[in-house]
Amino acid sequence: MKTKHQCPQNENFYEYRPVTGKIVSELKQLSLDAYKACGGKGYTRIDIRQDAVSGKLYMLEANAQCGLSEDENYTSIGAIIKASGVSFTDVIAEVLKDGIRRASAEQHIIQKESVVFNA
């Protein structure tokens, strides 16, 4: 028998909303620092929580394999995309462009190494 746990009144566990003010730069810096510390490449969702009393931000995890769906009721990324005001299509386009850029750069490095070894 499976038990399905739901939040009261069928609400979401977390509510995502746009942020403003100085917290924007703090979130960006913490996300970038976490991404670099984990050796991030490509698309990654950095989960951050904020202490309700102190306002201090904490990095919870870096998830490089999180699902990509625009369904805000199915994945957190869907809710995040909706709150950000960016279209799902634009997010996917950026993920693909970044992958192509990285693959092209890696191919360029491989070609340079091949020239060095063949010389």
PDB file of N, CA and C in Angstrom:
ATOM      1  N   MET A   1       0.841  -1.180   0.000  1.00  0.00           N
ATOM      2  CA  MET A   1       0.000   0.000   0.000  1.00  0.00           C
ATOM      3  C   MET A   1       0.888   1.246   0.000  1.00  0.00           C
ATOM      4  N   LYS A   2       0.648   2.125  -0.925  1.00  0.00           N
ATOM      5  CA  LYS A   2       1.430   3.361  -1.004  1.00  0.00           C
ATOM      6  C   LYS A   2       0.674   4.484  -0.317  1.00  0.00           C
ATOM      7  N   THR A   3       1.414   5.279   0.394  1.00  0.00           N
ATOM      8  CA  THR A   3       0.817   6.438   1.041  1.00  0.00           C
ATOM      9  C   THR A   3       1.340   7.681   0.344  1.00  0.00           C
ATOM     10  N   LYS A   4       0.447   8.509  -0.058  1.00  0.00           N
ATOM     11  CA  LYS A   4       0.850   9.756  -0.714  1.00  0.00           C
ATOM     12  C   LYS A   4       0.743  10.884   0.307  1.00  0.00           C
ATOM     13  N   HIS A   5       1.870  11.513   0.569  1.00  0.00           N
ATOM     14  CA  HIS A   5       1.882  12.622   1.521  1.00  0.00           C
ATOM     15  C   HIS A   5       1.613  13.930   0.780  1.00  0.00           C
ATOM     16  N   GLN A   6       0.725  14.687   1.307  1.00  0.00           N
ATOM     17  CA  GLN A   6       0.416  15.988   0.711  1.00  0.00           C
ATOM     18  C   GLN A   6       0.501  17.064   1.772  1.00  0.00           C
ATOM     19  N   CYS A   7       0.843  18.247   1.322  1.00  0.00           N
ATOM     20  CA  CYS A   7       0.835  19.392   2.220  1.00  0.00           C
ATOM     21  C   CYS A   7      -0.617  19.774   2.481  1.00  0.00           C
ATOM     22  N   PRO A   8      -0.880  20.436   3.595  1.00  0.00           N
ATOM     23  CA  PRO A   8      -2.255  20.860   3.876  1.00  0.00           C
ATOM     24  C   PRO A   8      -2.829  21.669   2.708  1.00  0.00           C
ATOM     25  N   GLN A   9      -4.082  21.448   2.431  1.00  0.00           N
ATOM     26  CA  GLN A   9      -4.824  22.168   1.391  1.00  0.00           C
ATOM     27  C   GLN A   9      -4.159  22.044   0.027  1.00  0.00           C
ATOM     28  N   ASN A  10      -3.430  20.930  -0.190  1.00  0.00           N
ATOM     29  CA  ASN A  10      -2.824  20.638  -1.489  1.00  0.00           C
ATOM     30  C   ASN A  10      -1.832  21.708  -1.965  1.00  0.00           C
ATOM     31  N   GLU A  11      -1.236  22.449  -1.048  1.00  0.00           N
ATOM     32  CA  GLU A  11      -0.287  23.494  -1.427  1.00  0.00           C
ATOM     33  C   GLU A  11       1.095  22.909  -1.669  1.00  0.00           C
ATOM     34  N   ASN A  12       1.955  23.666  -2.301  1.00  0.00           N
ATOM     35  CA  ASN A  12       3.318  23.237  -2.581  1.00  0.00           C
ATOM     36  C   ASN A  12       4.161  23.295  -1.316  1.00  0.00           C
ATOM     37  N   PHE A  13       5.169  22.409  -1.258  1.00  0.00           N
ATOM     38  CA  PHE A  13       6.072  22.384  -0.123  1.00  0.00           C
ATOM     39  C   PHE A  13       6.887  23.669  -0.046  1.00  0.00           C
ATOM     40  N   TYR A  14       7.325  24.163  -1.209  1.00  0.00           N
ATOM     41  CA  TYR A  14       8.049  25.428  -1.283  1.00  0.00           C
ATOM     42  C   TYR A  14       7.324  26.348  -2.234  1.00  0.00           C
ATOM     43  N   GLU A  15       7.387  27.617  -1.958  1.00  0.00           N
ATOM     44  CA  GLU A  15       6.828  28.627  -2.853  1.00  0.00           C
ATOM     45  C   GLU A  15       7.972  29.416  -3.447  1.00  0.00           C
ATOM     46  N   TYR A  16       8.021  29.481  -4.750  1.00  0.00           N
ATOM     47  CA  TYR A  16       9.061  30.222  -5.447  1.00  0.00           C
ATOM     48  C   TYR A  16       8.501  31.557  -5.890  1.00  0.00           C
ATOM     49  N   ARG A  17       9.287  32.598  -5.712  1.00  0.00           N
ATOM     50  CA  ARG A  17       8.865  33.925  -6.160  1.00  0.00           C
ATOM     51  C   ARG A  17      10.098  34.728  -6.539  1.00  0.00           C
ATOM     52  N   PRO A  18       9.913  35.720  -7.395  1.00  0.00           N
ATOM     53  CA  PRO A  18      11.057  36.565  -7.779  1.00  0.00           C
ATOM     54  C   PRO A  18      11.647  37.257  -6.549  1.00  0.00           C
ATOM     55  N   VAL A  19      12.940  37.497  -6.597  1.00  0.00           N
ATOM     56  CA  VAL A  19      13.603  38.217  -5.510  1.00  0.00           C
ATOM     57  C   VAL A  19      14.102  39.558  -6.031  1.00  0.00           C
ATOM     58  N   THR A  20      14.232  40.498  -5.123  1.00  0.00           N
ATOM     59  CA  THR A  20      14.717  41.828  -5.478  1.00  0.00           C
ATOM     60  C   THR A  20      15.695  42.293  -4.404  1.00  0.00           C
ATOM     61  N   GLY A  21      16.378  43.363  -4.710  1.00  0.00           N
ATOM     62  CA  GLY A  21      17.273  43.966  -3.735  1.00  0.00           C
ATOM     63  C   GLY A  21      18.615  43.274  -3.645  1.00  0.00           C
ATOM     64  N   LYS A  22      19.273  43.472  -2.512  1.00  0.00           N
ATOM     65  CA  LYS A  22      20.645  42.986  -2.338  1.00  0.00           C
ATOM     66  C   LYS A  22      20.735  41.465  -2.323  1.00  0.00           C
ATOM     67  N   ILE A  23      19.635  40.787  -2.016  1.00  0.00           N
ATOM     68  CA  ILE A  23      19.665  39.327  -1.970  1.00  0.00           C
ATOM     69  C   ILE A  23      19.941  38.724  -3.353  1.00  0.00           C
ATOM     70  N   VAL A  24      19.611  39.449  -4.425  1.00  0.00           N
ATOM     71  CA  VAL A  24      19.859  38.948  -5.782  1.00  0.00           C
ATOM     72  C   VAL A  24      21.346  38.694  -5.980  1.00  0.00           C
ATOM     73  N   SER A  25      22.174  39.668  -5.642  1.00  0.00           N
ATOM     74  CA  SER A  25      23.621  39.493  -5.819  1.00  0.00           C
ATOM     75  C   SER A  25      24.164  38.430  -4.869  1.00  0.00           C
ATOM     76  N   GLU A  26      23.612  38.331  -3.669  1.00  0.00           N
ATOM     77  CA  GLU A  26      24.046  37.298  -2.723  1.00  0.00           C
ATOM     78  C   GLU A  26      23.714  35.906  -3.255  1.00  0.00           C
ATOM     79  N   LEU A  27      22.522  35.741  -3.816  1.00  0.00           N
ATOM     80  CA  LEU A  27      22.121  34.458  -4.392  1.00  0.00           C
ATOM     81  C   LEU A  27      23.009  34.082  -5.579  1.00  0.00           C
ATOM     82  N   LYS A  28      23.267  35.055  -6.435  1.00  0.00           N
ATOM     83  CA  LYS A  28      24.127  34.796  -7.598  1.00  0.00           C
ATOM     84  C   LYS A  28      25.520  34.383  -7.164  1.00  0.00           C
ATOM     85  N   GLN A  29      26.090  35.089  -6.191  1.00  0.00           N
ATOM     86  CA  GLN A  29      27.448  34.778  -5.742  1.00  0.00           C
ATOM     87  C   GLN A  29      27.517  33.414  -5.076  1.00  0.00           C
ATOM     88  N   LEU A  30      26.556  33.115  -4.197  1.00  0.00           N
ATOM     89  CA  LEU A  30      26.533  31.821  -3.525  1.00  0.00           C
ATOM     90  C   LEU A  30      26.361  30.691  -4.543  1.00  0.00           C
ATOM     91  N   SER A  31      25.495  30.898  -5.523  1.00  0.00           N
ATOM     92  CA  SER A  31      25.277  29.890  -6.570  1.00  0.00           C
ATOM     93  C   SER A  31      26.546  29.653  -7.377  1.00  0.00           C
ATOM     94  N   LEU A  32      27.202  30.720  -7.786  1.00  0.00           N
ATOM     95  CA  LEU A  32      28.424  30.601  -8.572  1.00  0.00           C
ATOM     96  C   LEU A  32      29.539  29.937  -7.766  1.00  0.00           C
ATOM     97  N   ASP A  33      29.682  30.339  -6.508  1.00  0.00           N
ATOM     98  CA  ASP A  33      30.703  29.736  -5.647  1.00  0.00           C
ATOM     99  C   ASP A  33      30.451  28.231  -5.484  1.00  0.00           C
ATOM    100  N   ALA A  34      29.201  27.848  -5.263  1.00  0.00           N
ATOM    101  CA  ALA A  34      28.853  26.436  -5.093  1.00  0.00           C
ATOM    102  C   ALA A  34      29.104  25.664  -6.385  1.00  0.00           C
ATOM    103  N   TYR A  35      28.722  26.247  -7.505  1.00  0.00           N
ATOM    104  CA  TYR A  35      28.906  25.624  -8.816  1.00  0.00           C
ATOM    105  C   TYR A  35      30.389  25.358  -9.078  1.00  0.00           C
ATOM    106  N   LYS A  36      31.210  26.353  -8.825  1.00  0.00           N
ATOM    107  CA  LYS A  36      32.658  26.207  -9.028  1.00  0.00           C
ATOM    108  C   LYS A  36      33.259  25.192  -8.053  1.00  0.00           C
ATOM    109  N   ALA A  37      32.820  25.233  -6.794  1.00  0.00           N
ATOM    110  CA  ALA A  37      33.356  24.316  -5.786  1.00  0.00           C
ATOM    111  C   ALA A  37      33.052  22.859  -6.126  1.00  0.00           C
ATOM    112  N   CYS A  38      31.942  22.642  -6.802  1.00  0.00           N
ATOM    113  CA  CYS A  38      31.548  21.277  -7.195  1.00  0.00           C
ATOM    114  C   CYS A  38      32.109  20.890  -8.556  1.00  0.00           C
ATOM    115  N   GLY A  39      32.865  21.784  -9.189  1.00  0.00           N
ATOM    116  CA  GLY A  39      33.400  21.491 -10.521  1.00  0.00           C
ATOM    117  C   GLY A  39      32.304  21.465 -11.573  1.00  0.00           C
ATOM    118  N   GLY A  40      31.321  22.328 -11.401  1.00  0.00           N
ATOM    119  CA  GLY A  40      30.149  22.340 -12.272  1.00  0.00           C
ATOM    120  C   GLY A  40      30.465  22.523 -13.746  1.00  0.00           C
ATOM    121  N   LYS A  41      29.707  21.816 -14.552  1.00  0.00           N
ATOM    122  CA  LYS A  41      29.765  21.956 -16.011  1.00  0.00           C
ATOM    123  C   LYS A  41      28.344  21.887 -16.514  1.00  0.00           C
ATOM    124  N   GLY A  42      27.969  22.833 -17.329  1.00  0.00           N
ATOM    125  CA  GLY A  42      26.640  22.793 -17.923  1.00  0.00           C
ATOM    126  C   GLY A  42      25.541  23.148 -16.947  1.00  0.00           C
ATOM    127  N   TYR A  43      24.390  22.594 -17.228  1.00  0.00           N
ATOM    128  CA  TYR A  43      23.174  22.911 -16.479  1.00  0.00           C
ATOM    129  C   TYR A  43      23.205  22.294 -15.091  1.00  0.00           C
ATOM    130  N   THR A  44      23.021  23.104 -14.082  1.00  0.00           N
ATOM    131  CA  THR A  44      22.959  22.639 -12.700  1.00  0.00           C
ATOM    132  C   THR A  44      21.988  23.511 -11.931  1.00  0.00           C
ATOM    133  N   ARG A  45      21.192  22.881 -11.098  1.00  0.00           N
ATOM    134  CA  ARG A  45      20.324  23.644 -10.196  1.00  0.00           C
ATOM    135  C   ARG A  45      20.996  23.675  -8.832  1.00  0.00           C
ATOM    136  N   ILE A  46      21.226  24.872  -8.311  1.00  0.00           N
ATOM    137  CA  ILE A  46      21.797  25.038  -6.975  1.00  0.00           C
ATOM    138  C   ILE A  46      20.638  25.336  -6.034  1.00  0.00           C
ATOM    139  N   ASP A  47      20.430  24.460  -5.057  1.00  0.00           N
ATOM    140  CA  ASP A  47      19.346  24.650  -4.089  1.00  0.00           C
ATOM    141  C   ASP A  47      19.874  25.429  -2.896  1.00  0.00           C
ATOM    142  N   ILE A  48      19.185  26.501  -2.581  1.00  0.00           N
ATOM    143  CA  ILE A  48      19.590  27.394  -1.494  1.00  0.00           C
ATOM    144  C   ILE A  48      18.395  27.608  -0.577  1.00  0.00           C
ATOM    145  N   ARG A  49      18.662  27.644   0.700  1.00  0.00           N
ATOM    146  CA  ARG A  49      17.620  27.939   1.680  1.00  0.00           C
ATOM    147  C   ARG A  49      18.051  29.164   2.475  1.00  0.00           C
ATOM    148  N   GLN A  50      17.040  29.889   2.963  1.00  0.00           N
ATOM    149  CA  GLN A  50      17.307  31.089   3.748  1.00  0.00           C
ATOM    150  C   GLN A  50      16.747  30.904   5.149  1.00  0.00           C
ATOM    151  N   ASP A  51      17.570  31.163   6.146  1.00  0.00           N
ATOM    152  CA  ASP A  51      17.130  31.092   7.526  1.00  0.00           C
ATOM    153  C   ASP A  51      16.071  32.176   7.756  1.00  0.00           C
ATOM    154  N   ALA A  52      14.930  31.797   8.260  1.00  0.00           N
ATOM    155  CA  ALA A  52      13.810  32.725   8.449  1.00  0.00           C
ATOM    156  C   ALA A  52      14.104  33.800   9.475  1.00  0.00           C
ATOM    157  N   VAL A  53      14.970  33.501  10.435  1.00  0.00           N
ATOM    158  CA  VAL A  53      15.261  34.465  11.491  1.00  0.00           C
ATOM    159  C   VAL A  53      16.429  35.375  11.114  1.00  0.00           C
ATOM    160  N   SER A  54      17.559  34.778  10.736  1.00  0.00           N
ATOM    161  CA  SER A  54      18.765  35.564  10.469  1.00  0.00           C
ATOM    162  C   SER A  54      18.833  36.095   9.033  1.00  0.00           C
ATOM    163  N   GLY A  55      18.117  35.452   8.115  1.00  0.00           N
ATOM    164  CA  GLY A  55      18.184  35.844   6.705  1.00  0.00           C
ATOM    165  C   GLY A  55      19.408  35.266   5.991  1.00  0.00           C
ATOM    166  N   LYS A  56      20.248  34.527   6.727  1.00  0.00           N
ATOM    167  CA  LYS A  56      21.463  33.944   6.139  1.00  0.00           C
ATOM    168  C   LYS A  56      21.081  32.885   5.103  1.00  0.00           C
ATOM    169  N   LEU A  57      21.839  32.885   3.992  1.00  0.00           N
ATOM    170  CA  LEU A  57      21.616  31.926   2.920  1.00  0.00           C
ATOM    171  C   LEU A  57      22.519  30.715   3.103  1.00  0.00           C
ATOM    172  N   TYR A  58      21.975  29.536   2.828  1.00  0.00           N
ATOM    173  CA  TYR A  58      22.724  28.293   2.927  1.00  0.00           C
ATOM    174  C   TYR A  58      22.539  27.488   1.649  1.00  0.00           C
ATOM    175  N   MET A  59      23.655  26.992   1.116  1.00  0.00           N
ATOM    176  CA  MET A  59      23.591  26.123  -0.053  1.00  0.00           C
ATOM    177  C   MET A  59      23.245  24.730   0.433  1.00  0.00           C
ATOM    178  N   LEU A  60      22.181  24.166  -0.098  1.00  0.00           N
ATOM    179  CA  LEU A  60      21.731  22.846   0.301  1.00  0.00           C
ATOM    180  C   LEU A  60      22.366  21.761  -0.565  1.00  0.00           C
ATOM    181  N   GLU A  61      22.293  21.918  -1.886  1.00  0.00           N
ATOM    182  CA  GLU A  61      22.881  20.935  -2.790  1.00  0.00           C
ATOM    183  C   GLU A  61      23.024  21.505  -4.189  1.00  0.00           C
ATOM    184  N   ALA A  62      23.881  20.857  -4.964  1.00  0.00           N
ATOM    185  CA  ALA A  62      24.010  21.146  -6.385  1.00  0.00           C
ATOM    186  C   ALA A  62      23.479  19.919  -7.112  1.00  0.00           C
ATOM    187  N   ASN A  63      22.506  20.119  -7.965  1.00  0.00           N
ATOM    188  CA  ASN A  63      21.874  19.005  -8.659  1.00  0.00           C
ATOM    189  C   ASN A  63      22.088  19.161 -10.155  1.00  0.00           C
ATOM    190  N   ALA A  64      23.047  18.394 -10.684  1.00  0.00           N
ATOM    191  CA  ALA A  64      23.382  18.489 -12.105  1.00  0.00           C
ATOM    192  C   ALA A  64      22.482  17.632 -12.973  1.00  0.00           C
ATOM    193  N   GLN A  65      21.631  16.840 -12.373  1.00  0.00           N
ATOM    194  CA  GLN A  65      20.748  15.957 -13.142  1.00  0.00           C
ATOM    195  C   GLN A  65      19.285  16.207 -12.820  1.00  0.00           C
ATOM    196  N   CYS A  66      18.950  17.427 -12.473  1.00  0.00           N
ATOM    197  CA  CYS A  66      17.561  17.699 -12.125  1.00  0.00           C
ATOM    198  C   CYS A  66      16.691  17.687 -13.380  1.00  0.00           C
ATOM    199  N   GLY A  67      15.466  17.288 -13.196  1.00  0.00           N
ATOM    200  CA  GLY A  67      14.537  17.204 -14.318  1.00  0.00           C
ATOM    201  C   GLY A  67      14.249  18.560 -14.921  1.00  0.00           C
ATOM    202  N   LEU A  68      14.025  18.574 -16.205  1.00  0.00           N
ATOM    203  CA  LEU A  68      13.660  19.800 -16.907  1.00  0.00           C
ATOM    204  C   LEU A  68      12.222  19.660 -17.392  1.00  0.00           C
ATOM    205  N   SER A  69      11.348  20.369 -16.765  1.00  0.00           N
ATOM    206  CA  SER A  69       9.944  20.357 -17.148  1.00  0.00           C
ATOM    207  C   SER A  69       9.368  21.723 -16.850  1.00  0.00           C
ATOM    208  N   GLU A  70       8.484  22.169 -17.708  1.00  0.00           N
ATOM    209  CA  GLU A  70       7.853  23.460 -17.436  1.00  0.00           C
ATOM    210  C   GLU A  70       6.631  23.302 -16.540  1.00  0.00           C
ATOM    211  N   ASP A  71       6.314  22.080 -16.160  1.00  0.00           N
ATOM    212  CA  ASP A  71       5.165  21.813 -15.301  1.00  0.00           C
ATOM    213  C   ASP A  71       5.507  22.183 -13.863  1.00  0.00           C
ATOM    214  N   GLU A  72       4.994  23.283 -13.400  1.00  0.00           N
ATOM    215  CA  GLU A  72       5.321  23.778 -12.066  1.00  0.00           C
ATOM    216  C   GLU A  72       4.780  22.881 -10.961  1.00  0.00           C
ATOM    217  N   ASN A  73       3.841  22.003 -11.288  1.00  0.00           N
ATOM    218  CA  ASN A  73       3.302  21.086 -10.294  1.00  0.00           C
ATOM    219  C   ASN A  73       4.074  19.770 -10.252  1.00  0.00           C
ATOM    220  N   TYR A  74       4.988  19.583 -11.199  1.00  0.00           N
ATOM    221  CA  TYR A  74       5.722  18.330 -11.296  1.00  0.00           C
ATOM    222  C   TYR A  74       7.182  18.475 -10.862  1.00  0.00           C
ATOM    223  N   THR A  75       7.820  19.559 -11.246  1.00  0.00           N
ATOM    224  CA  THR A  75       9.227  19.766 -10.884  1.00  0.00           C
ATOM    225  C   THR A  75       9.421  21.160 -10.301  1.00  0.00           C
ATOM    226  N   SER A  76      10.409  21.261  -9.421  1.00  0.00           N
ATOM    227  CA  SER A  76      10.714  22.574  -8.852  1.00  0.00           C
ATOM    228  C   SER A  76      11.217  23.512  -9.929  1.00  0.00           C
ATOM    229  N   ILE A  77      11.934  22.984 -10.937  1.00  0.00           N
ATOM    230  CA  ILE A  77      12.463  23.862 -11.982  1.00  0.00           C
ATOM    231  C   ILE A  77      11.320  24.520 -12.752  1.00  0.00           C
ATOM    232  N   GLY A  78      10.204  23.812 -12.925  1.00  0.00           N
ATOM    233  CA  GLY A  78       9.041  24.415 -13.577  1.00  0.00           C
ATOM    234  C   GLY A  78       8.517  25.613 -12.797  1.00  0.00           C
ATOM    235  N   ALA A  79       8.460  25.464 -11.472  1.00  0.00           N
ATOM    236  CA  ALA A  79       8.009  26.568 -10.624  1.00  0.00           C
ATOM    237  C   ALA A  79       9.016  27.714 -10.624  1.00  0.00           C
ATOM    238  N   ILE A  80      10.300  27.368 -10.638  1.00  0.00           N
ATOM    239  CA  ILE A  80      11.351  28.384 -10.653  1.00  0.00           C
ATOM    240  C   ILE A  80      11.318  29.157 -11.967  1.00  0.00           C
ATOM    241  N   ILE A  81      11.162  28.435 -13.076  1.00  0.00           N
ATOM    242  CA  ILE A  81      11.089  29.092 -14.385  1.00  0.00           C
ATOM    243  C   ILE A  81       9.888  30.031 -14.430  1.00  0.00           C
ATOM    244  N   LYS A  82       8.752  29.566 -13.918  1.00  0.00           N
ATOM    245  CA  LYS A  82       7.550  30.418 -13.917  1.00  0.00           C
ATOM    246  C   LYS A  82       7.787  31.681 -13.090  1.00  0.00           C
ATOM    247  N   ALA A  83       8.387  31.525 -11.924  1.00  0.00           N
ATOM    248  CA  ALA A  83       8.635  32.683 -11.056  1.00  0.00           C
ATOM    249  C   ALA A  83       9.636  33.651 -11.667  1.00  0.00           C
ATOM    250  N   SER A  84      10.568  33.134 -12.470  1.00  0.00           N
ATOM    251  CA  SER A  84      11.604  33.985 -13.048  1.00  0.00           C
ATOM    252  C   SER A  84      11.105  34.825 -14.215  1.00  0.00           C
ATOM    253  N   GLY A  85       9.993  34.383 -14.818  1.00  0.00           N
ATOM    254  CA  GLY A  85       9.480  35.111 -15.970  1.00  0.00           C
ATOM    255  C   GLY A  85      10.182  34.773 -17.274  1.00  0.00           C
ATOM    256  N   VAL A  86      11.101  33.810 -17.241  1.00  0.00           N
ATOM    257  CA  VAL A  86      11.811  33.359 -18.437  1.00  0.00           C
ATOM    258  C   VAL A  86      11.021  32.197 -19.019  1.00  0.00           C
ATOM    259  N   SER A  87      10.952  32.104 -20.328  1.00  0.00           N
ATOM    260  CA  SER A  87      10.187  31.014 -20.932  1.00  0.00           C
ATOM    261  C   SER A  87      10.971  29.704 -20.871  1.00  0.00           C
ATOM    262  N   PHE A  88      10.249  28.609 -20.817  1.00  0.00           N
ATOM    263  CA  PHE A  88      10.860  27.286 -20.822  1.00  0.00           C
ATOM    264  C   PHE A  88      11.691  27.093 -22.085  1.00  0.00           C
ATOM    265  N   THR A  89      11.181  27.578 -23.206  1.00  0.00           N
ATOM    266  CA  THR A  89      11.899  27.489 -24.483  1.00  0.00           C
ATOM    267  C   THR A  89      13.247  28.193 -24.392  1.00  0.00           C
ATOM    268  N   ASP A  90      13.275  29.378 -23.784  1.00  0.00           N
ATOM    269  CA  ASP A  90      14.539  30.108 -23.633  1.00  0.00           C
ATOM    270  C   ASP A  90      15.528  29.354 -22.743  1.00  0.00           C
ATOM    271  N   VAL A  91      15.033  28.720 -21.685  1.00  0.00           N
ATOM    272  CA  VAL A  91      15.908  27.944 -20.806  1.00  0.00           C
ATOM    273  C   VAL A  91      16.527  26.781 -21.577  1.00  0.00           C
ATOM    274  N   ILE A  92      15.701  26.039 -22.306  1.00  0.00           N
ATOM    275  CA  ILE A  92      16.199  24.897 -23.078  1.00  0.00           C
ATOM    276  C   ILE A  92      17.193  25.367 -24.138  1.00  0.00           C
ATOM    277  N   ALA A  93      16.893  26.486 -24.793  1.00  0.00           N
ATOM    278  CA  ALA A  93      17.803  27.018 -25.813  1.00  0.00           C
ATOM    279  C   ALA A  93      19.161  27.350 -25.193  1.00  0.00           C
ATOM    280  N   GLU A  94      19.173  27.950 -24.005  1.00  0.00           N
ATOM    281  CA  GLU A  94      20.434  28.285 -23.340  1.00  0.00           C
ATOM    282  C   GLU A  94      21.206  27.032 -22.937  1.00  0.00           C
ATOM    283  N   VAL A  95      20.510  26.013 -22.445  1.00  0.00           N
ATOM    284  CA  VAL A  95      21.158  24.756 -22.075  1.00  0.00           C
ATOM    285  C   VAL A  95      21.820  24.138 -23.311  1.00  0.00           C
ATOM    286  N   LEU A  96      21.090  24.116 -24.429  1.00  0.00           N
ATOM    287  CA  LEU A  96      21.627  23.543 -25.669  1.00  0.00           C
ATOM    288  C   LEU A  96      22.807  24.360 -26.202  1.00  0.00           C
ATOM    289  N   LYS A  97      22.672  25.686 -26.210  1.00  0.00           N
ATOM    290  CA  LYS A  97      23.769  26.536 -26.695  1.00  0.00           C
ATOM    291  C   LYS A  97      25.022  26.344 -25.850  1.00  0.00           C
ATOM    292  N   ASP A  98      24.851  26.249 -24.533  1.00  0.00           N
ATOM    293  CA  ASP A  98      26.000  26.047 -23.657  1.00  0.00           C
ATOM    294  C   ASP A  98      26.666  24.706 -23.947  1.00  0.00           C
ATOM    295  N   GLY A  99      25.866  23.659 -24.144  1.00  0.00           N
ATOM    296  CA  GLY A  99      26.419  22.343 -24.464  1.00  0.00           C
ATOM    297  C   GLY A  99      27.185  22.357 -25.775  1.00  0.00           C
ATOM    298  N   ILE A 100      26.653  23.039 -26.766  1.00  0.00           N
ATOM    299  CA  ILE A 100      27.324  23.144 -28.068  1.00  0.00           C
ATOM    300  C   ILE A 100      28.627  23.917 -27.931  1.00  0.00           C
ATOM    301  N   ARG A 101      28.610  25.017 -27.164  1.00  0.00           N
ATOM    302  CA  ARG A 101      29.833  25.809 -26.943  1.00  0.00           C
ATOM    303  C   ARG A 101      30.909  24.965 -26.261  1.00  0.00           C
ATOM    304  N   ARG A 102      30.516  24.231 -25.222  1.00  0.00           N
ATOM    305  CA  ARG A 102      31.489  23.412 -24.497  1.00  0.00           C
ATOM    306  C   ARG A 102      32.018  22.275 -25.364  1.00  0.00           C
ATOM    307  N   ALA A 103      31.143  21.638 -26.137  1.00  0.00           N
ATOM    308  CA  ALA A 103      31.586  20.556 -27.024  1.00  0.00           C
ATOM    309  C   ALA A 103      32.532  21.083 -28.092  1.00  0.00           C
ATOM    310  N   SER A 104      32.235  22.256 -28.617  1.00  0.00           N
ATOM    311  CA  SER A 104      33.090  22.863 -29.633  1.00  0.00           C
ATOM    312  C   SER A 104      34.459  23.205 -29.049  1.00  0.00           C
ATOM    313  N   ALA A 105      34.469  23.751 -27.834  1.00  0.00           N
ATOM    314  CA  ALA A 105      35.732  24.099 -27.180  1.00  0.00           C
ATOM    315  C   ALA A 105      36.547  22.837 -26.894  1.00  0.00           C
ATOM    316  N   GLU A 106      35.888  21.769 -26.444  1.00  0.00           N
ATOM    317  CA  GLU A 106      36.588  20.511 -26.176  1.00  0.00           C
ATOM    318  C   GLU A 106      37.153  19.928 -27.466  1.00  0.00           C
ATOM    319  N   GLN A 107      36.403  20.014 -28.559  1.00  0.00           N
ATOM    320  CA  GLN A 107      36.872  19.503 -29.842  1.00  0.00           C
ATOM    321  C   GLN A 107      38.094  20.287 -30.310  1.00  0.00           C
ATOM    322  N   HIS A 108      38.076  21.596 -30.079  1.00  0.00           N
ATOM    323  CA  HIS A 108      39.210  22.448 -30.447  1.00  0.00           C
ATOM    324  C   HIS A 108      40.458  22.031 -29.673  1.00  0.00           C
ATOM    325  N   ILE A 109      40.297  21.743 -28.389  1.00  0.00           N
ATOM    326  CA  ILE A 109      41.424  21.308 -27.564  1.00  0.00           C
ATOM    327  C   ILE A 109      41.947  19.966 -28.051  1.00  0.00           C
ATOM    328  N   ILE A 110      41.051  19.050 -28.373  1.00  0.00           N
ATOM    329  CA  ILE A 110      41.460  17.729 -28.880  1.00  0.00           C
ATOM    330  C   ILE A 110      42.236  17.877 -30.179  1.00  0.00           C
ATOM    331  N   GLN A 111      41.767  18.762 -31.053  1.00  0.00           N
ATOM    332  CA  GLN A 111      42.467  18.976 -32.322  1.00  0.00           C
ATOM    333  C   GLN A 111      43.860  19.548 -32.083  1.00  0.00           C
ATOM    334  N   LYS A 112      44.003  20.492 -31.141  1.00  0.00           N
ATOM    335  CA  LYS A 112      45.317  21.058 -30.825  1.00  0.00           C
ATOM    336  C   LYS A 112      46.244  19.987 -30.273  1.00  0.00           C
ATOM    337  N   GLU A 113      45.720  19.140 -29.385  1.00  0.00           N
ATOM    338  CA  GLU A 113      46.546  18.071 -28.807  1.00  0.00           C
ATOM    339  C   GLU A 113      46.975  17.101 -29.900  1.00  0.00           C
ATOM    340  N   SER A 114      46.105  16.828 -30.828  1.00  0.00           N
ATOM    341  CA  SER A 114      46.412  15.916 -31.932  1.00  0.00           C
ATOM    342  C   SER A 114      47.547  16.480 -32.785  1.00  0.00           C
ATOM    343  N   VAL A 115      47.526  17.774 -33.027  1.00  0.00           N
ATOM    344  CA  VAL A 115      48.578  18.419 -33.816  1.00  0.00           C
ATOM    345  C   VAL A 115      49.903  18.317 -33.074  1.00  0.00           C
ATOM    346  N   VAL A 116      49.892  18.522 -31.756  1.00  0.00           N
ATOM    347  CA  VAL A 116      51.111  18.453 -30.955  1.00  0.00           C
ATOM    348  C   VAL A 116      51.673  17.037 -30.990  1.00  0.00           C
ATOM    349  N   PHE A 117      50.817  16.024 -30.840  1.00  0.00           N
ATOM    350  CA  PHE A 117      51.288  14.646 -30.810  1.00  0.00           C
ATOM    351  C   PHE A 117      51.746  14.158 -32.181  1.00  0.00           C
ATOM    352  N   ASN A 118      51.201  14.720 -33.236  1.00  0.00           N
ATOM    353  CA  ASN A 118      51.575  14.310 -34.586  1.00  0.00           C
ATOM    354  C   ASN A 118      52.801  15.050 -35.127  1.00  0.00           C
ATOM    355  N   ALA A 119      53.235  16.052 -34.420  1.00  0.00           N
ATOM    356  CA  ALA A 119      54.358  16.862 -34.917  1.00  0.00           C
ATOM    357  C   ALA A 119      55.689  16.164 -34.763  1.00  0.00           C
TER     358      ALA A 119
END
